[in-house]
Amino acid sequence: MRGRVENLLEKIHSYNPKADLDMVRLAFEFAEHAHKGQMRSSGEPYIIHPLAAAEILADMKLPTNIIIAGLLHDVPEDTPVTIADIRKNFGDDVASMVSGITKLGKLKYRGVDRYIENLRKMFVAMASDVRVIMIKFADRIHNLETLGALPPNKQKRVAMESLEIYAPIANRLGMNEMRTRIEDLAFRYAMPKEYEWASSLASKAASAKERYIARIKSVIEKDLRDAHLPIVQIQGRVKHLYSLYQKLLKHERDIVQIHDLVALRVLMPSVGDCYAALGIIHQRWKPLSGRIKDYIAQPKPNGYKSLHTTVFCDEGEIVEFQIRTVEMHEEAERGIAAHWRYDEDGKQAQAALAAQLGWVKDLAENQRQIRDNDAYLESLETMKIDVFQNRIFVFTPKGDVIDLPEGATPVDFGYAIHTDIGNTCVGARVNDQIVSLDSPLHSGDYCEIIVDKNRKAPNPDWLTFIKTSHARSHIRTMAKSKLNKWLKDLSDAEDGEQKKYVPPSAKTARNPKSRKQKPSK
């Protein structure tokens, strides 16, 4: 145990020589004492878990305060130690993160209620301080690594939750390293048969491909050096298993159609060198039509930047190249965590992320407003599509970028620009071609919405194909308003008809004084 602690301290010192290692050691001893006597389902001492989470955070090269919070993240839930005790010993910043990460176990929720409250708290805490989700990722990764100690039904629940919620959040935050670790660990338990099939298929195909890729690497390295281009590194990368499985489903399970099973990643010193390297690659090998992607000029919505090209290589093989700078690679792998690498107090990182994380704030606000559990679960299913699906970026005629979920339509695009544009749209041009309103958009498309200002309301039939909750809520509101107006008009019309003819008997019944009195005899 002590050896692992020393390894953790050495790891932190390697990227942050000025780190307060004494405070990290104190946090470990504090957590070890608090968890004394507690055991995990695997039979190991409980302290193994927070220590493993801290090691994962150190691998991300994060500041010491985040690592200390990782060591302490389960203390208030599972021990008599309080947030106030942590604040007294480790300060407000660490206490704030631990408070955000602490689950609601002490509130005695069970089943669906507990699940909902944990998710709700996580989303709200993430909006307050995005560092909380980094600790949560580390916590979840180690739990997935030790998932074999749990009963099968719990294994599947945790694995599916990881695939449907945690991995997509990591993707949305640009944290590729975290996303792929979560996906590949969860895949084994969420879909064991599919995991075995994909794993077997990938190992056979990759072993043959890797030998070929090594030859191609030496060829392109020589070409770049002959062109006097500086190279930081050329590395082969094998596609992660869950990503491969998803792609296989799109290609009718035919691995021959997967051209990026093994790819070459070329790291260059500058953006200019990246484009020069792309030119050298295309001088030697012919690129596939439509497979050159410039994510430097047009980054993905999660901030990912790189040049991608797929080329016909030697012997007719197809190979993908990814070309980027070292800084782009750092951000591609660590996403928002990269902002904290040289920013111990996190102030600059938080400021840089404020605009980028607007969707997190919207998500948290949505969580606060939904109190009914059934409505929350329905909202969660929508969220999996709207917020956590793969994202695409689509351009307005003015060149503004609109961030949408994969499969979004021109109607979703219109509502994302402005509610009035969505309500009055009657058609769309995508890349200068007229398309139907239910046509799926793709990354890099230019879309122009055709509107009719005389249109009174959106078409309720749009609800059958739109993807975003923003568009759905406005269409439903307008449809409900239109229905209420129709019912009111109908009611007013019926009242009007009644006023036109009122039987005499009814008049006298309402006003007895109007009856003519017969003279008495």
Protein backbone atom coordinates (compact mmCIF):
# COMPACT_ATOMS: atom_id res chain seq x y z
CA MET A 1 0.00 0.00 0.00
CA ARG A 2 2.72 2.46 1.00
CA GLY A 3 4.57 1.61 -2.20
CA ARG A 4 1.52 2.65 -4.25
CA VAL A 5 1.31 5.93 -2.34
CA GLU A 6 4.97 6.67 -3.08
CA ASN A 7 4.38 5.85 -6.75
CA LEU A 8 1.45 8.28 -6.78
CA LEU A 9 3.63 11.02 -5.30
CA GLU A 10 6.41 10.36 -7.83
CA LYS A 11 3.89 10.51 -10.66
CA ILE A 12 2.60 13.91 -9.47
CA HIS A 13 6.15 15.25 -9.01
CA SER A 14 7.10 14.19 -12.57
CA TYR A 15 4.68 16.68 -14.13
CA ASN A 16 4.39 19.18 -11.26
CA PRO A 17 7.67 19.56 -9.34
CA LYS A 18 6.18 22.32 -7.18
CA ALA A 19 3.23 20.21 -5.98
CA ASP A 20 2.59 20.02 -2.23
CA LEU A 21 3.22 16.28 -1.85
CA ASP A 22 2.97 16.45 1.94
CA MET A 23 -0.66 17.53 1.61
CA VAL A 24 -1.36 14.62 -0.78
CA ARG A 25 0.23 12.19 1.67
CA LEU A 26 -1.82 13.72 4.52
CA ALA A 27 -5.02 13.28 2.47
CA PHE A 28 -4.23 9.61 1.93
CA GLU A 29 -3.61 9.04 5.66
CA PHE A 30 -6.80 10.97 6.52
CA ALA A 31 -8.85 8.79 4.10
CA GLU A 32 -7.14 5.59 5.25
CA HIS A 33 -8.00 6.34 8.88
CA ALA A 34 -11.61 7.29 7.99
CA HIS A 35 -12.16 4.07 5.97
CA LYS A 36 -10.36 1.83 8.49
CA GLY A 37 -12.10 -1.55 8.79
CA GLN A 38 -14.22 -1.03 5.66
CA MET A 39 -13.93 -3.59 2.86
CA ARG A 40 -14.97 -3.59 -0.79
CA SER A 41 -17.10 -6.31 -2.41
CA SER A 42 -13.86 -7.79 -3.77
CA GLY A 43 -12.58 -8.32 -0.21
CA GLU A 44 -9.90 -5.61 -0.49
CA PRO A 45 -9.54 -2.76 2.03
CA TYR A 46 -11.78 0.12 0.92
CA ILE A 47 -8.87 2.60 0.78
CA ILE A 48 -7.72 0.81 -2.40
CA HIS A 49 -10.58 2.48 -4.31
CA PRO A 50 -9.90 6.18 -3.56
CA LEU A 51 -6.18 5.54 -4.02
CA ALA A 52 -6.84 4.04 -7.47
CA ALA A 53 -9.07 7.00 -8.37
CA ALA A 54 -6.27 9.39 -7.35
CA GLU A 55 -3.81 7.47 -9.56
CA ILE A 56 -6.15 7.85 -12.55
CA LEU A 57 -6.39 11.60 -11.88
CA ALA A 58 -2.60 11.82 -11.67
CA ASP A 59 -2.35 10.01 -15.02
CA MET A 60 -4.42 12.92 -16.40
CA LYS A 61 -1.74 15.28 -15.00
CA LEU A 62 -4.25 17.20 -12.90
CA PRO A 63 -3.45 19.65 -10.04
CA THR A 64 -2.98 18.36 -6.51
CA ASN A 65 -6.28 19.77 -5.17
CA ILE A 66 -8.25 17.58 -7.61
CA ILE A 67 -6.15 14.52 -6.64
CA ILE A 68 -6.67 15.25 -2.93
CA ALA A 69 -10.43 15.51 -3.54
CA GLY A 70 -10.21 12.17 -5.35
CA LEU A 71 -8.59 10.56 -2.30
CA LEU A 72 -11.34 11.96 -0.05
CA HIS A 73 -14.36 11.65 -2.35
CA ASP A 74 -16.10 8.80 -0.48
CA VAL A 75 -15.24 9.87 3.06
CA PRO A 76 -18.39 11.95 3.88
CA GLU A 77 -20.73 9.30 2.50
CA ASP A 78 -19.24 6.17 4.03
CA THR A 79 -17.73 7.41 7.31
CA PRO A 80 -18.65 9.69 10.25
CA VAL A 81 -16.29 12.37 8.86
CA THR A 82 -18.17 15.43 7.57
CA ILE A 83 -17.62 18.01 4.83
CA ALA A 84 -16.88 20.48 7.65
CA ASP A 85 -14.03 18.21 8.83
CA ILE A 86 -12.60 18.13 5.31
CA ARG A 87 -12.92 21.90 4.98
CA LYS A 88 -11.06 22.38 8.28
CA ASN A 89 -8.17 20.12 7.22
CA PHE A 90 -7.92 20.70 3.47
CA GLY A 91 -9.60 24.03 2.72
CA ASP A 92 -12.71 25.30 0.95
CA ASP A 93 -11.71 24.28 -2.58
CA VAL A 94 -11.20 20.59 -1.76
CA ALA A 95 -14.31 20.54 0.46
CA SER A 96 -16.38 22.04 -2.37
CA MET A 97 -15.29 19.33 -4.82
CA VAL A 98 -15.85 16.53 -2.30
CA SER A 99 -19.31 17.92 -1.54
CA GLY A 100 -20.09 17.90 -5.26
CA ILE A 101 -18.93 14.32 -5.78
CA THR A 102 -20.54 12.86 -2.65
CA LYS A 103 -23.47 10.60 -3.49
CA LEU A 104 -26.80 10.78 -1.65
CA GLY A 105 -26.41 7.49 0.18
CA LYS A 106 -27.16 9.06 3.56
CA LEU A 107 -30.60 10.16 2.36
CA LYS A 108 -31.63 6.48 2.25
CA TYR A 109 -33.00 6.56 -1.29
CA ARG A 110 -33.48 3.16 -2.91
CA GLY A 111 -34.02 1.83 -6.41
CA VAL A 112 -35.12 4.33 -9.06
CA ASP A 113 -35.33 7.20 -6.54
CA ARG A 114 -31.67 6.77 -5.58
CA TYR A 115 -30.62 6.47 -9.22
CA ILE A 116 -32.49 9.65 -10.17
CA GLU A 117 -31.18 11.68 -7.24
CA ASN A 118 -27.57 10.60 -7.89
CA LEU A 119 -27.80 11.62 -11.55
CA ARG A 120 -29.55 14.87 -10.73
CA LYS A 121 -26.90 15.80 -8.20
CA MET A 122 -24.09 14.87 -10.59
CA PHE A 123 -25.43 17.10 -13.38
CA VAL A 124 -25.98 20.06 -11.05
CA ALA A 125 -22.57 19.63 -9.39
CA MET A 126 -20.89 19.38 -12.81
CA ALA A 127 -22.42 22.72 -13.80
CA SER A 128 -21.08 24.33 -10.62
CA ASP A 129 -17.56 22.91 -11.01
CA VAL A 130 -16.60 20.73 -13.98
CA ARG A 131 -13.71 19.23 -11.96
CA VAL A 132 -16.34 17.17 -10.16
CA ILE A 133 -17.00 15.11 -13.28
CA MET A 134 -13.27 14.36 -13.64
CA ILE A 135 -13.27 12.83 -10.17
CA LYS A 136 -16.49 10.99 -11.02
CA PHE A 137 -14.87 9.54 -14.16
CA ALA A 138 -11.91 8.29 -12.12
CA ASP A 139 -14.30 6.81 -9.55
CA ARG A 140 -16.34 5.11 -12.28
CA ILE A 141 -13.29 3.72 -14.15
CA HIS A 142 -11.97 1.95 -11.07
CA ASN A 143 -15.45 0.64 -10.24
CA LEU A 144 -15.64 -0.78 -13.78
CA GLU A 145 -12.19 -2.32 -13.42
CA THR A 146 -13.42 -4.21 -10.33
CA LEU A 147 -16.98 -4.87 -11.55
CA GLY A 148 -16.43 -8.64 -11.52
CA ALA A 149 -16.90 -8.65 -7.73
CA LEU A 150 -20.56 -7.56 -8.05
CA PRO A 151 -23.66 -9.70 -8.85
CA PRO A 152 -24.44 -10.03 -12.61
CA ASN A 153 -27.58 -7.85 -12.48
CA LYS A 154 -25.66 -4.99 -10.85
CA GLN A 155 -22.77 -5.46 -13.27
CA LYS A 156 -25.08 -4.88 -16.23
CA ARG A 157 -26.83 -1.88 -14.65
CA VAL A 158 -23.55 -0.10 -13.86
CA ALA A 159 -22.12 -0.97 -17.29
CA MET A 160 -25.17 0.28 -19.22
CA GLU A 161 -25.28 3.49 -17.20
CA SER A 162 -21.59 3.98 -18.02
CA LEU A 163 -22.16 3.51 -21.75
CA GLU A 164 -25.31 5.63 -21.94
CA ILE A 165 -24.39 8.54 -19.65
CA TYR A 166 -20.77 8.68 -18.45
CA ALA A 167 -19.00 7.89 -21.74
CA PRO A 168 -21.13 10.37 -23.75
CA ILE A 169 -20.44 13.12 -21.19
CA ALA A 170 -16.69 12.41 -21.54
CA ASN A 171 -17.08 12.60 -25.32
CA ARG A 172 -19.00 15.88 -25.10
CA LEU A 173 -16.19 17.29 -22.94
CA GLY A 174 -13.57 16.14 -25.48
CA MET A 175 -12.03 13.67 -22.99
CA ASN A 176 -11.29 10.86 -25.44
CA GLU A 177 -8.97 8.97 -23.10
CA MET A 178 -11.63 8.80 -20.38
CA ARG A 179 -14.40 7.97 -22.87
CA THR A 180 -12.59 5.02 -24.45
CA ARG A 181 -11.56 3.58 -21.08
CA ILE A 182 -15.12 3.75 -19.78
CA GLU A 183 -16.58 2.29 -23.00
CA ASP A 184 -14.18 -0.63 -23.33
CA LEU A 185 -14.47 -1.56 -19.63
CA ALA A 186 -18.28 -1.34 -19.66
CA PHE A 187 -18.71 -3.11 -23.02
CA ARG A 188 -17.57 -6.44 -21.54
CA TYR A 189 -20.39 -6.44 -18.95
CA ALA A 190 -23.12 -4.60 -20.84
CA MET A 191 -22.99 -6.87 -23.94
CA PRO A 192 -20.78 -9.89 -23.17
CA LYS A 193 -21.58 -11.86 -26.36
CA GLU A 194 -21.01 -8.86 -28.62
CA TYR A 195 -17.81 -8.09 -26.71
CA GLU A 196 -16.40 -11.58 -27.32
CA TRP A 197 -17.33 -11.46 -31.01
CA ALA A 198 -15.82 -7.99 -31.61
CA SER A 199 -12.74 -8.81 -29.56
CA SER A 200 -12.02 -11.99 -31.51
CA LEU A 201 -12.59 -10.29 -34.85
CA ALA A 202 -10.42 -7.30 -33.95
CA SER A 203 -7.46 -9.29 -32.62
CA LYS A 204 -7.19 -11.34 -35.83
CA ALA A 205 -7.53 -8.35 -38.14
CA ALA A 206 -5.29 -6.02 -36.12
CA SER A 207 -2.36 -8.43 -35.81
CA ALA A 208 -2.06 -8.71 -39.60
CA LYS A 209 -2.65 -5.00 -40.14
CA GLU A 210 -0.08 -3.87 -37.56
CA ARG A 211 2.82 -5.46 -39.47
CA TYR A 212 1.73 -3.64 -42.62
CA ILE A 213 1.29 -0.33 -40.76
CA ALA A 214 4.87 -0.58 -39.43
CA ARG A 215 6.12 -0.67 -43.04
CA ILE A 216 3.98 2.29 -44.07
CA LYS A 217 5.21 4.23 -41.04
CA SER A 218 8.85 3.88 -42.11
CA VAL A 219 7.97 4.98 -45.68
CA ILE A 220 6.15 8.17 -44.68
CA GLU A 221 8.75 9.00 -42.02
CA LYS A 222 11.46 8.93 -44.71
CA ASP A 223 9.31 11.09 -47.05
CA LEU A 224 8.75 13.73 -44.36
CA ARG A 225 12.44 13.86 -43.43
CA ASP A 226 13.47 14.09 -47.10
CA ALA A 227 11.12 17.10 -47.35
CA HIS A 228 12.94 18.59 -44.32
CA LEU A 229 9.77 18.59 -42.24
CA PRO A 230 10.24 18.26 -38.47
CA ILE A 231 8.47 15.28 -36.92
CA VAL A 232 7.62 15.07 -33.25
CA GLN A 233 6.34 11.48 -33.43
CA ILE A 234 4.60 8.98 -35.69
CA GLN A 235 2.59 6.38 -33.80
CA GLY A 236 0.26 3.58 -34.76
CA ARG A 237 -3.08 3.45 -32.98
CA VAL A 238 -5.54 0.56 -32.84
CA LYS A 239 -9.24 1.44 -32.80
CA HIS A 240 -10.84 0.93 -29.40
CA LEU A 241 -13.10 -2.08 -29.16
CA TYR A 242 -16.45 -0.42 -28.44
CA SER A 243 -15.87 2.18 -31.18
CA LEU A 244 -15.06 -0.66 -33.55
CA TYR A 245 -18.24 -2.52 -32.56
CA GLN A 246 -20.39 0.56 -33.23
CA LYS A 247 -18.77 1.03 -36.62
CA LEU A 248 -19.22 -2.64 -37.49
CA LEU A 249 -22.96 -2.27 -36.91
CA LYS A 250 -23.02 0.57 -39.45
CA HIS A 251 -21.20 -1.60 -42.02
CA GLU A 252 -23.27 -4.78 -41.71
CA ARG A 253 -20.64 -6.36 -39.43
CA ASP A 254 -18.07 -6.46 -42.25
CA ILE A 255 -14.62 -5.63 -40.84
CA VAL A 256 -13.23 -5.22 -44.37
CA GLN A 257 -15.22 -1.96 -44.54
CA ILE A 258 -13.44 -0.56 -41.45
CA HIS A 259 -10.53 1.46 -42.81
CA ASP A 260 -9.32 2.91 -39.51
CA LEU A 261 -8.96 -0.31 -37.50
CA VAL A 262 -5.27 0.57 -37.32
CA ALA A 263 -4.29 4.14 -38.20
CA LEU A 264 -1.16 6.26 -38.19
CA ARG A 265 -1.06 9.38 -36.04
CA VAL A 266 1.49 11.99 -37.12
CA LEU A 267 2.41 14.64 -34.51
CA MET A 268 4.00 17.82 -35.92
CA PRO A 269 5.35 20.97 -34.23
CA SER A 270 3.01 23.51 -35.88
CA VAL A 271 -0.23 23.86 -37.82
CA GLY A 272 1.73 24.73 -40.99
CA ASP A 273 3.75 21.52 -40.62
CA CYS A 274 0.49 19.55 -40.33
CA TYR A 275 -0.77 20.83 -43.69
CA ALA A 276 2.66 20.29 -45.27
CA ALA A 277 2.67 16.68 -44.02
CA LEU A 278 -0.80 16.18 -45.52
CA GLY A 279 0.56 17.32 -48.88
CA ILE A 280 3.50 14.91 -48.69
CA ILE A 281 1.18 11.99 -47.89
CA HIS A 282 -1.04 12.87 -50.87
CA GLN A 283 1.99 13.13 -53.15
CA ARG A 284 2.77 9.49 -52.51
CA TRP A 285 -0.72 7.99 -52.12
CA LYS A 286 -4.07 8.88 -53.63
CA PRO A 287 -6.73 9.97 -51.10
CA LEU A 288 -10.21 8.43 -51.09
CA SER A 289 -12.83 10.85 -52.33
CA GLY A 290 -14.72 12.52 -49.50
CA ARG A 291 -12.41 11.13 -46.81
CA ILE A 292 -10.25 14.25 -46.25
CA LYS A 293 -11.50 15.97 -43.08
CA ASP A 294 -10.10 19.26 -41.84
CA TYR A 295 -11.00 19.46 -38.17
CA ILE A 296 -8.35 22.15 -37.67
CA ALA A 297 -10.22 24.70 -39.78
CA GLN A 298 -13.57 23.33 -38.57
CA PRO A 299 -13.13 21.75 -35.10
CA LYS A 300 -15.71 19.26 -33.82
CA PRO A 301 -18.25 20.64 -31.31
CA ASN A 302 -16.25 19.14 -28.42
CA GLY A 303 -13.14 21.07 -29.51
CA TYR A 304 -11.36 18.20 -31.30
CA LYS A 305 -8.79 19.40 -33.87
CA SER A 306 -6.88 17.25 -36.38
CA LEU A 307 -6.44 16.54 -40.08
CA HIS A 308 -7.79 13.18 -41.23
CA THR A 309 -7.15 11.56 -44.59
CA THR A 310 -7.76 8.03 -45.84
CA VAL A 311 -5.51 6.94 -48.72
CA PHE A 312 -4.91 4.01 -51.09
CA CYS A 313 -1.54 2.76 -49.86
CA ASP A 314 0.93 0.16 -51.14
CA GLU A 315 -0.54 -3.17 -52.31
CA GLY A 316 -4.01 -1.64 -52.51
CA GLU A 317 -4.46 -1.39 -48.75
CA ILE A 318 -6.46 1.53 -47.32
CA VAL A 319 -4.92 3.45 -44.41
CA GLU A 320 -6.12 6.42 -42.33
CA PHE A 321 -3.71 9.15 -41.24
CA GLN A 322 -4.43 11.59 -38.39
CA ILE A 323 -2.16 14.66 -38.39
CA ARG A 324 -2.09 17.13 -35.50
CA THR A 325 0.16 19.22 -33.26
CA VAL A 326 1.25 18.06 -29.79
CA GLU A 327 -1.15 20.58 -28.20
CA MET A 328 -4.03 19.30 -30.34
CA HIS A 329 -3.19 15.73 -29.33
CA GLU A 330 -3.13 16.69 -25.65
CA GLU A 331 -6.56 18.30 -25.94
CA ALA A 332 -7.93 15.42 -28.05
CA GLU A 333 -6.99 12.89 -25.38
CA ARG A 334 -7.70 14.88 -22.20
CA GLY A 335 -10.25 17.45 -23.42
CA ILE A 336 -11.19 19.94 -20.71
CA ALA A 337 -8.67 18.32 -18.33
CA ALA A 338 -5.87 19.68 -20.54
CA HIS A 339 -6.85 23.21 -19.49
CA TRP A 340 -5.77 22.46 -15.91
CA ARG A 341 -2.35 21.00 -16.69
CA TYR A 342 -0.39 24.21 -16.04
CA ASP A 343 -3.05 26.00 -14.01
CA GLU A 344 -2.86 24.87 -10.36
CA ASP A 345 -5.64 27.12 -9.02
CA GLY A 346 -7.84 26.49 -12.06
CA LYS A 347 -8.96 30.12 -12.49
CA GLN A 348 -7.71 30.45 -16.08
CA ALA A 349 -9.08 27.01 -16.96
CA GLN A 350 -12.53 27.80 -15.55
CA ALA A 351 -12.61 31.09 -17.48
CA ALA A 352 -11.58 29.38 -20.72
CA LEU A 353 -14.31 26.78 -20.30
CA ALA A 354 -17.16 29.11 -19.36
CA ALA A 355 -18.40 29.63 -22.92
CA GLN A 356 -17.69 26.05 -23.99
CA LEU A 357 -19.81 24.51 -21.24
CA GLY A 358 -23.08 26.38 -21.76
CA TRP A 359 -24.84 23.08 -22.44
CA VAL A 360 -23.88 21.87 -18.95
CA LYS A 361 -25.57 24.89 -17.38
CA ASP A 362 -28.71 24.27 -19.47
CA LEU A 363 -28.68 20.62 -18.46
CA ALA A 364 -28.40 21.45 -14.77
CA GLU A 365 -31.25 23.97 -14.98
CA ASN A 366 -33.40 21.32 -16.63
CA GLN A 367 -32.61 18.91 -13.78
CA ARG A 368 -33.67 21.44 -11.17
CA GLN A 369 -37.04 22.00 -12.82
CA ILE A 370 -38.07 18.32 -13.11
CA ARG A 371 -39.26 16.97 -9.79
CA ASP A 372 -41.60 14.15 -10.79
CA ASN A 373 -39.64 10.88 -11.13
CA ASP A 374 -41.58 9.56 -14.13
CA ALA A 375 -41.08 12.86 -15.95
CA TYR A 376 -37.39 12.74 -15.02
CA LEU A 377 -36.90 9.27 -16.50
CA GLU A 378 -38.68 10.38 -19.67
CA SER A 379 -36.44 13.45 -19.76
CA LEU A 380 -33.38 11.23 -19.28
CA GLU A 381 -34.25 9.17 -22.36
CA THR A 382 -34.58 12.38 -24.40
CA MET A 383 -31.31 13.61 -22.92
CA LYS A 384 -29.48 10.49 -24.12
CA ILE A 385 -30.39 11.48 -27.67
CA ASP A 386 -30.33 15.26 -27.39
CA VAL A 387 -27.30 15.89 -25.17
CA PHE A 388 -25.20 12.74 -25.07
CA GLN A 389 -25.38 11.48 -28.64
CA ASN A 390 -22.56 12.12 -31.08
CA ARG A 391 -22.61 15.75 -32.14
CA ILE A 392 -22.43 17.35 -35.58
CA PHE A 393 -21.68 20.94 -36.58
CA VAL A 394 -23.70 22.68 -39.30
CA PHE A 395 -23.03 26.14 -40.75
CA THR A 396 -25.47 29.00 -41.23
CA PRO A 397 -25.24 31.10 -44.44
CA LYS A 398 -23.23 33.65 -42.39
CA GLY A 399 -20.70 31.00 -41.36
CA ASP A 400 -21.86 30.58 -37.74
CA VAL A 401 -21.55 27.05 -36.36
CA ILE A 402 -24.62 25.33 -34.91
CA ASP A 403 -23.96 22.34 -32.64
CA LEU A 404 -26.60 19.59 -33.01
CA PRO A 405 -27.06 15.90 -32.13
CA GLU A 406 -26.32 13.35 -34.85
CA GLY A 407 -29.36 12.81 -37.10
CA ALA A 408 -30.74 16.33 -36.53
CA THR A 409 -32.88 17.82 -39.31
CA PRO A 410 -33.32 21.30 -40.83
CA VAL A 411 -36.22 21.86 -38.40
CA ASP A 412 -33.89 21.25 -35.45
CA PHE A 413 -31.37 23.59 -37.09
CA GLY A 414 -34.02 26.30 -37.51
CA TYR A 415 -35.09 26.13 -33.87
CA ALA A 416 -31.44 26.17 -32.74
CA ILE A 417 -31.00 29.53 -34.53
CA HIS A 418 -34.24 31.13 -33.29
CA THR A 419 -37.70 29.98 -32.24
CA ASP A 420 -39.40 32.16 -34.87
CA ILE A 421 -37.30 30.62 -37.64
CA GLY A 422 -38.30 27.15 -36.47
CA ASN A 423 -41.98 28.06 -36.19
CA THR A 424 -42.18 29.59 -39.68
CA CYS A 425 -39.86 27.31 -41.69
CA VAL A 426 -41.34 25.81 -44.85
CA GLY A 427 -38.23 24.43 -46.56
CA ALA A 428 -34.45 24.19 -46.49
CA ARG A 429 -31.39 24.37 -48.72
CA VAL A 430 -28.46 22.19 -47.70
CA ASN A 431 -25.23 22.82 -49.64
CA ASP A 432 -27.30 24.81 -52.18
CA GLN A 433 -29.71 21.90 -52.77
CA ILE A 434 -33.39 21.98 -51.79
CA VAL A 435 -34.05 19.16 -49.31
CA SER A 436 -37.07 17.94 -47.36
CA LEU A 437 -37.42 19.09 -43.77
CA ASP A 438 -36.93 15.55 -42.44
CA SER A 439 -33.52 15.11 -44.16
CA PRO A 440 -30.71 14.29 -41.69
CA LEU A 441 -27.92 16.87 -41.58
CA HIS A 442 -24.21 16.01 -41.50
CA SER A 443 -21.12 17.68 -40.08
CA GLY A 444 -19.84 20.43 -42.36
CA ASP A 445 -23.19 21.02 -44.12
CA TYR A 446 -24.25 24.57 -44.95
CA CYS A 447 -27.94 24.98 -44.24
CA GLU A 448 -30.33 27.81 -45.09
CA ILE A 449 -33.89 27.80 -43.75
CA ILE A 450 -36.68 29.06 -46.01
CA VAL A 451 -39.37 30.78 -43.95
CA ASP A 452 -42.92 32.00 -44.58
CA LYS A 453 -43.74 34.86 -42.20
CA ASN A 454 -47.45 34.29 -42.81
CA ARG A 455 -47.19 30.81 -41.31
CA LYS A 456 -49.05 30.81 -38.00
CA ALA A 457 -47.60 27.69 -36.34
CA PRO A 458 -45.27 24.71 -36.89
CA ASN A 459 -46.54 21.42 -38.29
CA PRO A 460 -47.25 18.91 -35.47
CA ASP A 461 -46.15 16.13 -37.88
CA TRP A 462 -42.58 17.39 -37.39
CA LEU A 463 -42.63 15.68 -33.98
CA THR A 464 -42.20 12.34 -35.80
CA PHE A 465 -38.67 13.15 -37.06
CA ILE A 466 -37.07 15.97 -35.05
CA LYS A 467 -34.20 15.11 -32.66
CA THR A 468 -33.77 18.01 -30.23
CA SER A 469 -35.85 18.58 -27.10
CA HIS A 470 -35.64 22.33 -27.78
CA ALA A 471 -37.56 21.95 -31.06
CA ARG A 472 -39.91 19.36 -29.57
CA SER A 473 -40.94 21.56 -26.65
CA HIS A 474 -41.69 24.57 -28.87
CA ILE A 475 -43.72 22.51 -31.37
CA ARG A 476 -45.73 20.92 -28.56
CA THR A 477 -46.32 24.30 -26.92
CA MET A 478 -47.52 25.83 -30.19
CA ALA A 479 -49.70 22.80 -30.96
CA LYS A 480 -51.25 22.96 -27.48
CA SER A 481 -51.82 26.71 -27.83
CA LYS A 482 -53.45 26.20 -31.24
CA LEU A 483 -55.71 23.46 -29.82
CA ASN A 484 -56.71 25.64 -26.85
CA LYS A 485 -57.53 28.52 -29.19
CA TRP A 486 -59.61 26.22 -31.41
CA LEU A 487 -61.53 24.93 -28.38
CA LYS A 488 -62.10 28.49 -27.13
CA ASP A 489 -63.33 29.61 -30.56
CA LEU A 490 -65.64 26.61 -30.68
CA SER A 491 -66.95 27.39 -27.21
CA ASP A 492 -67.46 31.06 -28.10
CA ALA A 493 -69.30 30.06 -31.28
CA GLU A 494 -71.59 27.75 -29.35
CA ASP A 495 -72.30 30.50 -26.81
CA GLY A 496 -73.05 32.89 -29.69
CA GLU A 497 -75.56 30.49 -31.20
CA GLN A 498 -77.32 30.16 -27.86
CA LYS A 499 -77.54 33.95 -27.51
CA LYS A 500 -79.18 34.31 -30.94
CA TYR A 501 -82.27 32.32 -29.88
CA VAL A 502 -83.44 31.96 -26.34
CA PRO A 503 -86.88 30.29 -25.91
CA PRO A 504 -89.51 32.48 -24.19
CA SER A 505 -89.91 29.91 -21.47
CA ALA A 506 -86.21 30.17 -20.74
CA LYS A 507 -86.43 33.97 -20.58
CA THR A 508 -89.26 33.96 -18.09
CA ALA A 509 -87.58 31.18 -16.12
CA ARG A 510 -84.51 33.36 -15.71
CA ASN A 511 -86.58 36.53 -14.94
CA PRO A 512 -89.85 35.69 -13.15
CA LYS A 513 -90.76 39.41 -12.88
CA SER A 514 -91.08 39.61 -16.68
CA ARG A 515 -94.07 37.25 -16.66
CA LYS A 516 -97.38 39.02 -17.35
CA GLN A 517 -99.75 38.66 -14.46
CA LYS A 518 -103.33 37.78 -15.34
CA PRO A 519 -105.94 40.11 -13.69
CA SER A 520 -107.63 38.48 -10.81
CA LYS A 521 -111.30 37.70 -11.19
